[in-house]
Amino acid sequence: MSLPGNLFLLLGAAFCFLGALGLFRMPDVYNRIQAGTKAVTLGTLCILLGVWFHHPEWWAKLAAIGGLLLLTNPVGSSTIARALFLAGVRPWQSHPADREV
């Protein structure tokens, strides 16, 4: 067992948990998309790095997965957010005076 690998796995699990927690705690869908995308992307990359420490012979597959993850997550989340905005879903506003505009 590799200590850095275990630490990266634990760090990745913590980021994925925080991303899942953000899905429940954020006030609107735009913030939920951001929390889910950024935290889970970072957590997944940490998990991939932790797996690489345990199985260095899998580096090509892990690099391909990480590359696809870095390419598809931001594009997917921004596409979903744009579709929601065009469908009329407005962002959450905290100040009551902002809601009247």
Foldseek 3Di string as FASTA:
>chain_A
DDPQLVVLLVQLVVLQVQLVVQLVPDDDDLSNLVSNLPSNLSSVLSNLVSVCVVPVVCVVVSVVVNVVSVPPSVVVSVVVVVVCVVVPDDDDDDDPVVVVD
